[in-house]
Amino acid sequence: MRILHLSDTHSCHHRLRDLPDADVVVHSGDFTMNGSEAEAIDFMNWFCDLPYGHKIFICGNHDECLYGANVSGLDPNVYFLCNSGVEIDGVKFYGVPMFLSDCVTDRQSRHYARIPEDTEVLVTHSPAYGILDFDDDINYGSEEILVRLKSLNSLKAHLFGHIHAHHGIKTIGNTIFSNGAIMNSDYTNLNESNVIEI
């Protein structure tokens, strides 16, 4: 399966041209800049129109307008994952958003703890601690995600963003890690999209 991974487009999605072919496109959050409903609707309309067989997205810390929202009316091949999963062509995807309303409580920890152990492609907004999460001499990733990854024995890929300065792909053991942050660290340029094969 070929996956196109995007993240942190921050309302610049219309600037993305000639995206590579893939079986599934995944956006791992921060599709808005200011977190407005208008930005979210514009993104979802654009995302639904992309010419891919399957499309998955989750929310990042900028996308708070969708916190608790009932997202409906999406095309049947578009999946909004909010602490939920979907199986596509036999591959089990699971998505955990990063809402600030959860991060200031223990709810985010509980969401990470509930990631199913048979997850094959994990989509979060935050990276795991120490994996493509370095900026300004600090590792910004989640230690809770790092701990949870150790119990996901079927994991083939972990897709995330959030840390714009550490865009890239890294393989550790049998797992591909992809930081798909499209917007660069000072919000002046766009990085190339990531494509992985699992």
N, C-alpha and C. Protein backbone atom coordinates (compact mmCIF):
# COMPACT_ATOMS: atom_id res chain seq x y z
N MET A 1 0.85 -1.19 0.00
CA MET A 1 0.00 0.00 0.00
C MET A 1 0.88 1.24 0.00
N ARG A 2 0.54 2.17 -0.87
CA ARG A 2 1.29 3.43 -0.98
C ARG A 2 0.49 4.54 -0.30
N ILE A 3 1.11 5.22 0.66
CA ILE A 3 0.44 6.25 1.45
C ILE A 3 1.10 7.60 1.21
N LEU A 4 0.28 8.59 0.86
CA LEU A 4 0.72 9.98 0.78
C LEU A 4 0.40 10.62 2.12
N HIS A 5 1.41 11.17 2.78
CA HIS A 5 1.22 11.72 4.12
C HIS A 5 1.43 13.23 4.10
N LEU A 6 0.39 13.94 4.57
CA LEU A 6 0.43 15.40 4.71
C LEU A 6 0.15 15.75 6.17
N SER A 7 0.65 16.89 6.61
CA SER A 7 0.34 17.39 7.94
C SER A 7 0.65 18.87 7.96
N ASP A 8 0.07 19.58 8.91
CA ASP A 8 0.43 20.98 9.16
C ASP A 8 0.44 21.83 7.89
N THR A 9 -0.65 21.76 7.17
CA THR A 9 -0.79 22.60 5.97
C THR A 9 -1.26 24.00 6.32
N HIS A 10 -1.87 24.19 7.46
CA HIS A 10 -2.23 25.51 8.00
C HIS A 10 -2.89 26.42 6.96
N SER A 11 -3.97 25.93 6.37
CA SER A 11 -4.78 26.68 5.41
C SER A 11 -4.05 27.00 4.11
N CYS A 12 -2.94 26.33 3.85
CA CYS A 12 -2.21 26.51 2.59
C CYS A 12 -2.42 25.32 1.66
N HIS A 13 -3.44 24.50 1.90
CA HIS A 13 -3.64 23.29 1.11
C HIS A 13 -3.85 23.58 -0.37
N HIS A 14 -4.45 24.74 -0.70
CA HIS A 14 -4.67 25.06 -2.11
C HIS A 14 -3.36 25.31 -2.86
N ARG A 15 -2.29 25.51 -2.14
CA ARG A 15 -0.98 25.72 -2.78
C ARG A 15 -0.31 24.40 -3.17
N LEU A 16 -0.85 23.29 -2.70
CA LEU A 16 -0.25 21.99 -3.01
C LEU A 16 -0.65 21.58 -4.42
N ARG A 17 0.33 21.35 -5.25
CA ARG A 17 0.10 21.00 -6.66
C ARG A 17 0.83 19.70 -6.99
N ASP A 18 0.30 18.98 -7.96
CA ASP A 18 0.97 17.78 -8.48
C ASP A 18 1.36 16.82 -7.36
N LEU A 19 0.42 16.53 -6.49
CA LEU A 19 0.69 15.57 -5.42
C LEU A 19 0.92 14.19 -6.01
N PRO A 20 1.80 13.40 -5.42
CA PRO A 20 2.13 12.07 -5.96
C PRO A 20 0.96 11.10 -5.88
N ASP A 21 1.01 10.08 -6.72
CA ASP A 21 0.01 9.02 -6.69
C ASP A 21 0.13 8.23 -5.40
N ALA A 22 -1.01 7.73 -4.92
CA ALA A 22 -1.03 6.90 -3.72
C ALA A 22 -2.36 6.18 -3.65
N ASP A 23 -2.40 5.14 -2.84
CA ASP A 23 -3.65 4.42 -2.58
C ASP A 23 -4.48 5.13 -1.51
N VAL A 24 -3.78 5.73 -0.55
CA VAL A 24 -4.43 6.41 0.57
C VAL A 24 -3.69 7.72 0.82
N VAL A 25 -4.43 8.80 1.07
CA VAL A 25 -3.82 10.05 1.53
C VAL A 25 -4.25 10.27 2.97
N VAL A 26 -3.27 10.62 3.81
CA VAL A 26 -3.52 10.83 5.24
C VAL A 26 -3.04 12.23 5.61
N HIS A 27 -3.91 12.97 6.30
CA HIS A 27 -3.53 14.29 6.85
C HIS A 27 -3.57 14.16 8.37
N SER A 28 -2.43 14.42 9.00
CA SER A 28 -2.35 14.21 10.45
C SER A 28 -2.50 15.49 11.27
N GLY A 29 -3.33 16.40 10.79
CA GLY A 29 -3.76 17.52 11.61
C GLY A 29 -3.09 18.86 11.34
N ASP A 30 -3.69 19.89 11.94
CA ASP A 30 -3.34 21.30 11.71
C ASP A 30 -3.56 21.68 10.25
N PHE A 31 -4.78 21.44 9.80
CA PHE A 31 -5.16 21.89 8.45
C PHE A 31 -5.65 23.33 8.48
N THR A 32 -5.97 23.86 9.68
CA THR A 32 -6.32 25.27 9.79
C THR A 32 -5.14 26.04 10.37
N MET A 33 -5.23 27.38 10.27
CA MET A 33 -4.24 28.24 10.92
C MET A 33 -4.83 28.84 12.19
N ASN A 34 -6.02 29.41 12.05
CA ASN A 34 -6.65 30.10 13.18
C ASN A 34 -7.74 29.28 13.86
N GLY A 35 -8.00 28.08 13.36
CA GLY A 35 -8.97 27.21 14.00
C GLY A 35 -10.42 27.57 13.75
N SER A 36 -10.69 28.28 12.67
CA SER A 36 -12.07 28.69 12.40
C SER A 36 -12.83 27.60 11.66
N GLU A 37 -14.16 27.63 11.80
CA GLU A 37 -15.00 26.68 11.09
C GLU A 37 -14.89 26.88 9.59
N ALA A 38 -14.78 28.12 9.14
CA ALA A 38 -14.65 28.39 7.70
C ALA A 38 -13.40 27.73 7.13
N GLU A 39 -12.29 27.81 7.86
CA GLU A 39 -11.05 27.16 7.42
C GLU A 39 -11.23 25.65 7.36
N ALA A 40 -11.88 25.09 8.38
CA ALA A 40 -12.07 23.64 8.42
C ALA A 40 -12.95 23.17 7.28
N ILE A 41 -14.01 23.90 6.99
CA ILE A 41 -14.92 23.53 5.89
C ILE A 41 -14.19 23.63 4.55
N ASP A 42 -13.40 24.68 4.39
CA ASP A 42 -12.63 24.83 3.15
C ASP A 42 -11.68 23.66 2.97
N PHE A 43 -11.00 23.27 4.05
CA PHE A 43 -10.10 22.12 3.96
C PHE A 43 -10.86 20.84 3.60
N MET A 44 -11.96 20.58 4.29
CA MET A 44 -12.69 19.33 4.05
C MET A 44 -13.22 19.26 2.62
N ASN A 45 -13.67 20.39 2.07
CA ASN A 45 -14.11 20.40 0.67
C ASN A 45 -12.95 20.07 -0.27
N TRP A 46 -11.80 20.66 -0.01
CA TRP A 46 -10.61 20.40 -0.82
C TRP A 46 -10.19 18.93 -0.68
N PHE A 47 -10.18 18.45 0.56
CA PHE A 47 -9.72 17.09 0.83
C PHE A 47 -10.64 16.07 0.16
N CYS A 48 -11.94 16.28 0.27
CA CYS A 48 -12.89 15.35 -0.36
C CYS A 48 -12.72 15.30 -1.87
N ASP A 49 -12.28 16.40 -2.47
CA ASP A 49 -12.13 16.45 -3.92
C ASP A 49 -10.81 15.86 -4.42
N LEU A 50 -9.89 15.53 -3.52
CA LEU A 50 -8.62 14.96 -3.97
C LEU A 50 -8.86 13.62 -4.67
N PRO A 51 -8.10 13.35 -5.73
CA PRO A 51 -8.34 12.14 -6.54
C PRO A 51 -7.65 10.89 -5.99
N TYR A 52 -7.99 10.52 -4.76
CA TYR A 52 -7.42 9.33 -4.15
C TYR A 52 -8.54 8.39 -3.74
N GLY A 53 -8.25 7.10 -3.77
CA GLY A 53 -9.28 6.12 -3.45
C GLY A 53 -9.76 6.18 -2.02
N HIS A 54 -8.85 6.52 -1.10
CA HIS A 54 -9.19 6.60 0.32
C HIS A 54 -8.49 7.80 0.92
N LYS A 55 -9.19 8.50 1.82
CA LYS A 55 -8.67 9.72 2.45
C LYS A 55 -8.98 9.70 3.93
N ILE A 56 -7.95 9.95 4.76
CA ILE A 56 -8.06 9.93 6.21
C ILE A 56 -7.53 11.25 6.75
N PHE A 57 -8.23 11.83 7.75
CA PHE A 57 -7.67 13.00 8.42
C PHE A 57 -8.03 12.98 9.90
N ILE A 58 -7.15 13.61 10.69
CA ILE A 58 -7.38 13.83 12.11
C ILE A 58 -7.17 15.32 12.39
N CYS A 59 -7.46 15.73 13.60
CA CYS A 59 -7.27 17.13 14.00
C CYS A 59 -5.98 17.32 14.77
N GLY A 60 -5.40 18.51 14.62
CA GLY A 60 -4.24 18.92 15.40
C GLY A 60 -4.63 20.01 16.38
N ASN A 61 -3.65 20.55 17.07
CA ASN A 61 -3.93 21.55 18.10
C ASN A 61 -4.50 22.86 17.53
N HIS A 62 -4.33 23.12 16.24
CA HIS A 62 -4.92 24.32 15.64
C HIS A 62 -6.38 24.11 15.24
N ASP A 63 -6.86 22.88 15.27
CA ASP A 63 -8.18 22.56 14.70
C ASP A 63 -9.26 22.41 15.77
N GLU A 64 -9.16 23.21 16.81
CA GLU A 64 -10.04 23.10 17.98
C GLU A 64 -11.52 23.29 17.63
N CYS A 65 -11.81 23.95 16.51
CA CYS A 65 -13.21 24.18 16.15
C CYS A 65 -13.97 22.88 15.92
N LEU A 66 -13.26 21.78 15.70
CA LEU A 66 -13.93 20.49 15.50
C LEU A 66 -14.01 19.66 16.77
N TYR A 67 -13.60 20.23 17.89
CA TYR A 67 -13.67 19.50 19.15
C TYR A 67 -15.13 19.18 19.48
N GLY A 68 -15.43 17.90 19.60
CA GLY A 68 -16.79 17.47 19.91
C GLY A 68 -17.77 17.60 18.76
N ALA A 69 -17.28 17.98 17.58
CA ALA A 69 -18.17 18.19 16.44
C ALA A 69 -18.64 16.87 15.85
N ASN A 70 -19.84 16.87 15.33
CA ASN A 70 -20.36 15.72 14.59
C ASN A 70 -20.06 15.96 13.11
N VAL A 71 -18.94 15.44 12.66
CA VAL A 71 -18.53 15.65 11.27
C VAL A 71 -19.26 14.63 10.41
N SER A 72 -20.19 15.11 9.61
CA SER A 72 -20.99 14.21 8.78
C SER A 72 -21.05 14.76 7.36
N GLY A 73 -21.60 13.96 6.48
CA GLY A 73 -21.75 14.40 5.09
C GLY A 73 -20.50 14.25 4.24
N LEU A 74 -19.48 13.57 4.78
CA LEU A 74 -18.26 13.34 4.00
C LEU A 74 -18.51 12.24 2.98
N ASP A 75 -17.75 12.26 1.91
CA ASP A 75 -17.83 11.19 0.93
C ASP A 75 -17.54 9.86 1.61
N PRO A 76 -18.09 8.76 1.10
CA PRO A 76 -17.91 7.47 1.78
C PRO A 76 -16.47 6.97 1.84
N ASN A 77 -15.58 7.54 1.04
CA ASN A 77 -14.17 7.12 1.08
C ASN A 77 -13.30 8.10 1.87
N VAL A 78 -13.94 9.00 2.63
CA VAL A 78 -13.22 9.98 3.46
C VAL A 78 -13.52 9.67 4.92
N TYR A 79 -12.47 9.52 5.72
CA TYR A 79 -12.61 9.07 7.09
C TYR A 79 -12.02 10.11 8.05
N PHE A 80 -12.86 10.63 8.92
CA PHE A 80 -12.43 11.53 9.99
C PHE A 80 -12.23 10.66 11.22
N LEU A 81 -10.96 10.46 11.61
CA LEU A 81 -10.66 9.60 12.75
C LEU A 81 -10.45 10.44 13.99
N CYS A 82 -11.26 10.16 15.00
CA CYS A 82 -11.18 10.88 16.26
C CYS A 82 -11.25 9.83 17.37
N ASN A 83 -10.06 9.34 17.76
CA ASN A 83 -9.96 8.22 18.69
C ASN A 83 -10.77 7.04 18.16
N SER A 84 -10.53 6.77 16.89
CA SER A 84 -11.27 5.72 16.19
C SER A 84 -10.40 5.18 15.07
N GLY A 85 -10.88 4.11 14.44
CA GLY A 85 -10.10 3.46 13.40
C GLY A 85 -10.93 3.09 12.20
N VAL A 86 -10.22 2.68 11.16
CA VAL A 86 -10.85 2.20 9.94
C VAL A 86 -9.90 1.18 9.32
N GLU A 87 -10.47 0.17 8.68
CA GLU A 87 -9.67 -0.82 7.97
C GLU A 87 -9.82 -0.58 6.48
N ILE A 88 -8.70 -0.43 5.79
CA ILE A 88 -8.68 -0.19 4.34
C ILE A 88 -7.82 -1.26 3.69
N ASP A 89 -8.41 -2.01 2.80
CA ASP A 89 -7.69 -3.08 2.09
C ASP A 89 -6.90 -3.96 3.06
N GLY A 90 -7.53 -4.28 4.19
CA GLY A 90 -6.91 -5.18 5.16
C GLY A 90 -5.92 -4.53 6.10
N VAL A 91 -5.69 -3.21 5.97
CA VAL A 91 -4.74 -2.50 6.84
C VAL A 91 -5.53 -1.69 7.86
N LYS A 92 -5.16 -1.85 9.14
CA LYS A 92 -5.89 -1.20 10.23
C LYS A 92 -5.24 0.14 10.60
N PHE A 93 -5.98 1.22 10.33
CA PHE A 93 -5.57 2.58 10.66
C PHE A 93 -6.27 3.01 11.95
N TYR A 94 -5.58 3.80 12.77
CA TYR A 94 -6.20 4.35 13.98
C TYR A 94 -5.69 5.77 14.16
N GLY A 95 -6.60 6.70 14.47
CA GLY A 95 -6.23 8.10 14.60
C GLY A 95 -6.56 8.69 15.95
N VAL A 96 -5.60 9.43 16.52
CA VAL A 96 -5.78 10.14 17.79
C VAL A 96 -5.49 11.62 17.53
N PRO A 97 -6.50 12.49 17.67
CA PRO A 97 -6.27 13.92 17.46
C PRO A 97 -5.51 14.54 18.63
N MET A 98 -5.20 15.83 18.48
CA MET A 98 -4.53 16.57 19.55
C MET A 98 -5.30 17.85 19.81
N PHE A 99 -6.39 17.73 20.55
CA PHE A 99 -7.17 18.90 20.93
C PHE A 99 -6.61 19.47 22.23
N LEU A 100 -6.45 20.79 22.26
CA LEU A 100 -5.94 21.42 23.47
C LEU A 100 -6.84 21.16 24.67
N SER A 101 -8.14 21.05 24.42
CA SER A 101 -9.08 20.77 25.51
C SER A 101 -8.80 19.44 26.18
N ASP A 102 -8.23 18.48 25.44
CA ASP A 102 -7.85 17.19 26.02
C ASP A 102 -6.47 17.24 26.66
N CYS A 103 -5.57 18.03 26.05
CA CYS A 103 -4.18 18.07 26.52
C CYS A 103 -4.05 18.71 27.90
N VAL A 104 -4.98 19.59 28.29
CA VAL A 104 -4.89 20.24 29.59
C VAL A 104 -5.55 19.39 30.69
N THR A 105 -6.03 18.22 30.32
CA THR A 105 -6.61 17.28 31.29
C THR A 105 -5.89 15.94 31.11
N ASP A 106 -6.41 14.90 31.76
CA ASP A 106 -5.83 13.57 31.56
C ASP A 106 -6.48 12.82 30.40
N ARG A 107 -7.41 13.50 29.69
CA ARG A 107 -8.10 12.81 28.59
C ARG A 107 -7.15 12.37 27.48
N GLN A 108 -6.15 13.20 27.16
CA GLN A 108 -5.22 12.84 26.09
C GLN A 108 -4.47 11.56 26.45
N SER A 109 -4.05 11.44 27.69
CA SER A 109 -3.36 10.22 28.14
C SER A 109 -4.26 9.01 27.98
N ARG A 110 -5.53 9.17 28.31
CA ARG A 110 -6.47 8.05 28.20
C ARG A 110 -6.69 7.68 26.73
N HIS A 111 -6.70 8.68 25.86
CA HIS A 111 -6.85 8.38 24.42
C HIS A 111 -5.66 7.56 23.91
N TYR A 112 -4.46 7.95 24.30
CA TYR A 112 -3.27 7.20 23.87
C TYR A 112 -3.31 5.77 24.41
N ALA A 113 -3.75 5.62 25.65
CA ALA A 113 -3.79 4.29 26.27
C ALA A 113 -4.77 3.37 25.57
N ARG A 114 -5.79 3.93 24.89
CA ARG A 114 -6.81 3.11 24.23
C ARG A 114 -6.47 2.77 22.77
N ILE A 115 -5.30 3.13 22.29
CA ILE A 115 -4.92 2.75 20.93
C ILE A 115 -4.90 1.23 20.84
N PRO A 116 -5.64 0.64 19.92
CA PRO A 116 -5.69 -0.83 19.84
C PRO A 116 -4.32 -1.44 19.56
N GLU A 117 -4.06 -2.57 20.18
CA GLU A 117 -2.75 -3.20 20.04
C GLU A 117 -2.50 -3.76 18.64
N ASP A 118 -3.57 -3.98 17.86
CA ASP A 118 -3.39 -4.51 16.50
C ASP A 118 -3.33 -3.42 15.45
N THR A 119 -3.17 -2.16 15.88
CA THR A 119 -3.05 -1.04 14.93
C THR A 119 -1.84 -1.25 14.04
N GLU A 120 -2.04 -1.05 12.74
CA GLU A 120 -0.92 -1.19 11.78
C GLU A 120 -0.40 0.16 11.30
N VAL A 121 -1.30 1.15 11.17
CA VAL A 121 -0.88 2.51 10.83
C VAL A 121 -1.50 3.44 11.86
N LEU A 122 -0.66 4.03 12.69
CA LEU A 122 -1.11 4.95 13.72
C LEU A 122 -0.95 6.38 13.21
N VAL A 123 -2.02 7.17 13.35
CA VAL A 123 -2.01 8.57 12.94
C VAL A 123 -2.25 9.42 14.18
N THR A 124 -1.26 10.20 14.56
CA THR A 124 -1.40 11.15 15.67
C THR A 124 -0.90 12.50 15.17
N HIS A 125 -1.20 13.55 15.92
CA HIS A 125 -0.62 14.84 15.53
C HIS A 125 0.78 14.99 16.11
N SER A 126 0.92 14.58 17.34
CA SER A 126 2.22 14.68 18.01
C SER A 126 3.12 13.50 17.64
N PRO A 127 4.41 13.74 17.50
CA PRO A 127 5.34 12.61 17.37
C PRO A 127 5.56 11.95 18.72
N ALA A 128 6.16 10.78 18.67
CA ALA A 128 6.65 10.14 19.90
C ALA A 128 7.95 10.83 20.32
N TYR A 129 8.20 10.81 21.60
CA TYR A 129 9.41 11.46 22.11
C TYR A 129 10.67 10.87 21.47
N GLY A 130 11.51 11.77 20.94
CA GLY A 130 12.80 11.37 20.40
C GLY A 130 12.78 10.93 18.95
N ILE A 131 11.61 10.97 18.29
CA ILE A 131 11.51 10.52 16.89
C ILE A 131 11.00 11.66 16.03
N LEU A 132 11.88 12.28 15.27
CA LEU A 132 11.52 13.39 14.37
C LEU A 132 10.74 14.47 15.11
N ASP A 133 11.23 14.82 16.31
CA ASP A 133 10.51 15.77 17.18
C ASP A 133 11.40 16.89 17.71
N PHE A 134 12.58 17.08 17.09
CA PHE A 134 13.59 17.97 17.66
C PHE A 134 13.51 19.37 17.05
N ASP A 135 13.50 20.38 17.92
CA ASP A 135 13.50 21.78 17.47
C ASP A 135 14.00 22.64 18.63
N ASP A 136 14.84 23.61 18.32
CA ASP A 136 15.38 24.53 19.35
C ASP A 136 16.00 23.77 20.52
N ASP A 137 16.76 22.72 20.20
CA ASP A 137 17.49 21.94 21.21
C ASP A 137 16.57 21.21 22.19
N ILE A 138 15.32 20.98 21.80
CA ILE A 138 14.37 20.29 22.67
C ILE A 138 13.65 19.21 21.88
N ASN A 139 13.43 18.05 22.51
CA ASN A 139 12.55 17.02 21.95
C ASN A 139 11.14 17.31 22.45
N TYR A 140 10.24 17.60 21.51
CA TYR A 140 8.88 17.99 21.86
C TYR A 140 7.87 16.84 21.80
N GLY A 141 8.31 15.66 21.44
CA GLY A 141 7.40 14.54 21.28
C GLY A 141 6.82 14.04 22.59
N SER A 142 5.82 13.18 22.46
CA SER A 142 5.09 12.65 23.61
C SER A 142 5.74 11.38 24.14
N GLU A 143 6.08 11.39 25.42
CA GLU A 143 6.61 10.18 26.06
C GLU A 143 5.53 9.11 26.16
N GLU A 144 4.28 9.54 26.31
CA GLU A 144 3.17 8.57 26.40
C GLU A 144 3.00 7.81 25.09
N ILE A 145 3.14 8.51 23.96
CA ILE A 145 3.07 7.82 22.67
C ILE A 145 4.23 6.84 22.54
N LEU A 146 5.43 7.28 22.93
CA LEU A 146 6.60 6.41 22.84
C LEU A 146 6.39 5.12 23.62
N VAL A 147 5.85 5.22 24.81
CA VAL A 147 5.57 4.04 25.63
C VAL A 147 4.53 3.16 24.95
N ARG A 148 3.47 3.79 24.42
CA ARG A 148 2.40 3.01 23.80
C ARG A 148 2.89 2.28 22.55
N LEU A 149 3.80 2.88 21.80
CA LEU A 149 4.31 2.25 20.57
C LEU A 149 4.92 0.88 20.86
N LYS A 150 5.50 0.74 22.04
CA LYS A 150 6.19 -0.51 22.38
C LYS A 150 5.24 -1.70 22.48
N SER A 151 3.94 -1.44 22.66
CA SER A 151 2.97 -2.53 22.77
C SER A 151 2.20 -2.77 21.47
N LEU A 152 2.51 -2.00 20.44
CA LEU A 152 1.83 -2.15 19.15
C LEU A 152 2.66 -3.05 18.25
N ASN A 153 2.51 -4.35 18.42
CA ASN A 153 3.38 -5.31 17.75
C ASN A 153 3.16 -5.42 16.26
N SER A 154 2.01 -4.96 15.76
CA SER A 154 1.71 -5.05 14.33
C SER A 154 1.99 -3.74 13.60
N LEU A 155 2.56 -2.75 14.31
CA LEU A 155 2.70 -1.40 13.74
C LEU A 155 3.67 -1.38 12.56
N LYS A 156 3.16 -0.87 11.44
CA LYS A 156 3.97 -0.72 10.24
C LYS A 156 4.41 0.72 10.03
N ALA A 157 3.56 1.68 10.46
CA ALA A 157 3.88 3.08 10.26
C ALA A 157 3.22 3.94 11.32
N HIS A 158 3.93 5.00 11.70
CA HIS A 158 3.38 6.04 12.58
C HIS A 158 3.49 7.36 11.83
N LEU A 159 2.33 7.98 11.57
CA LEU A 159 2.25 9.22 10.81
C LEU A 159 1.86 10.36 11.73
N PHE A 160 2.60 11.47 11.69
CA PHE A 160 2.38 12.59 12.59
C PHE A 160 2.92 13.86 11.95
N GLY A 161 2.93 14.94 12.72
CA GLY A 161 3.46 16.22 12.25
C GLY A 161 3.85 17.04 13.46
N HIS A 162 3.26 18.24 13.57
CA HIS A 162 3.36 19.12 14.73
C HIS A 162 4.70 19.84 14.82
N ILE A 163 5.81 19.14 14.70
CA ILE A 163 7.13 19.76 14.80
C ILE A 163 7.63 20.05 13.39
N HIS A 164 7.38 21.27 12.94
CA HIS A 164 7.65 21.65 11.55
C HIS A 164 9.12 21.51 11.19
N ALA A 165 10.00 21.75 12.14
CA ALA A 165 11.44 21.76 11.85
C ALA A 165 12.01 20.38 11.61
N HIS A 166 11.26 19.32 11.90
CA HIS A 166 11.82 17.97 11.78
C HIS A 166 11.04 17.12 10.78
N HIS A 167 10.60 17.75 9.70
CA HIS A 167 9.94 17.04 8.61
C HIS A 167 10.86 15.95 8.07
N GLY A 168 10.28 14.77 7.78
CA GLY A 168 11.09 13.71 7.21
C GLY A 168 10.53 12.33 7.49
N ILE A 169 11.29 11.33 7.07
CA ILE A 169 10.91 9.92 7.24
C ILE A 169 12.08 9.18 7.86
N LYS A 170 11.77 8.30 8.80
CA LYS A 170 12.80 7.52 9.48
C LYS A 170 12.25 6.12 9.72
N THR A 171 13.08 5.11 9.53
CA THR A 171 12.68 3.73 9.81
C THR A 171 13.44 3.23 11.03
N ILE A 172 12.68 2.68 11.99
CA ILE A 172 13.27 2.09 13.18
C ILE A 172 12.71 0.68 13.29
N GLY A 173 13.58 -0.31 13.19
CA GLY A 173 13.11 -1.69 13.18
C GLY A 173 12.23 -1.93 11.97
N ASN A 174 11.00 -2.40 12.21
CA ASN A 174 10.07 -2.67 11.11
C ASN A 174 9.04 -1.56 10.94
N THR A 175 9.22 -0.42 11.62
CA THR A 175 8.23 0.65 11.60
C THR A 175 8.77 1.89 10.89
N ILE A 176 7.95 2.45 10.00
CA ILE A 176 8.28 3.70 9.31
C ILE A 176 7.65 4.84 10.10
N PHE A 177 8.44 5.86 10.40
CA PHE A 177 7.96 7.05 11.09
C PHE A 177 8.00 8.22 10.10
N SER A 178 6.88 8.93 9.98
CA SER A 178 6.78 10.01 9.02
C SER A 178 6.28 11.27 9.69
N ASN A 179 7.13 12.30 9.70
CA ASN A 179 6.71 13.64 10.10
C ASN A 179 6.37 14.37 8.81
N GLY A 180 5.08 14.52 8.56
CA GLY A 180 4.62 15.07 7.29
C GLY A 180 4.37 16.56 7.28
N ALA A 181 4.94 17.31 8.23
CA ALA A 181 4.69 18.76 8.32
C ALA A 181 5.02 19.45 7.00
N ILE A 182 4.01 19.97 6.35
CA ILE A 182 4.20 20.65 5.06
C ILE A 182 4.77 22.05 5.25
N MET A 183 4.23 22.79 6.21
CA MET A 183 4.72 24.15 6.46
C MET A 183 6.04 24.07 7.19
N ASN A 184 7.03 24.85 6.73
CA ASN A 184 8.33 24.81 7.39
C ASN A 184 8.27 25.55 8.73
N SER A 185 9.39 25.57 9.46
CA SER A 185 9.36 26.03 10.85
C SER A 185 9.03 27.51 11.00
N ASP A 186 9.36 28.34 10.03
CA ASP A 186 9.01 29.76 10.16
C ASP A 186 7.82 30.17 9.28
N TYR A 187 7.09 29.16 8.78
CA TYR A 187 5.85 29.38 8.02
C TYR A 187 6.07 30.18 6.72
N THR A 188 7.26 30.04 6.13
CA THR A 188 7.54 30.78 4.90
C THR A 188 7.52 29.91 3.65
N ASN A 189 7.77 28.62 3.78
CA ASN A 189 7.85 27.72 2.63
C ASN A 189 7.15 26.40 2.93
N LEU A 190 6.86 25.67 1.86
CA LEU A 190 6.22 24.37 1.99
C LEU A 190 7.23 23.26 1.75
N ASN A 191 7.23 22.26 2.61
CA ASN A 191 8.06 21.07 2.41
C ASN A 191 7.37 20.15 1.41
N GLU A 192 8.14 19.22 0.86
CA GLU A 192 7.58 18.19 -0.01
C GLU A 192 6.72 17.24 0.82
N SER A 193 5.71 16.68 0.19
CA SER A 193 4.89 15.69 0.90
C SER A 193 5.67 14.37 1.02
N ASN A 194 5.35 13.60 2.04
CA ASN A 194 5.98 12.31 2.26
C ASN A 194 5.17 11.20 1.61
N VAL A 195 5.85 10.23 1.02
CA VAL A 195 5.22 9.05 0.47
C VAL A 195 5.92 7.85 1.07
N ILE A 196 5.12 6.92 1.63
CA ILE A 196 5.69 5.71 2.18
C ILE A 196 4.98 4.50 1.60
N GLU A 197 5.66 3.36 1.63
CA GLU A 197 5.10 2.09 1.19
C GLU A 197 5.08 1.14 2.37
N ILE A 198 3.93 0.52 2.60
CA ILE A 198 3.87 -0.48 3.67
C ILE A 198 3.39 -1.80 3.10
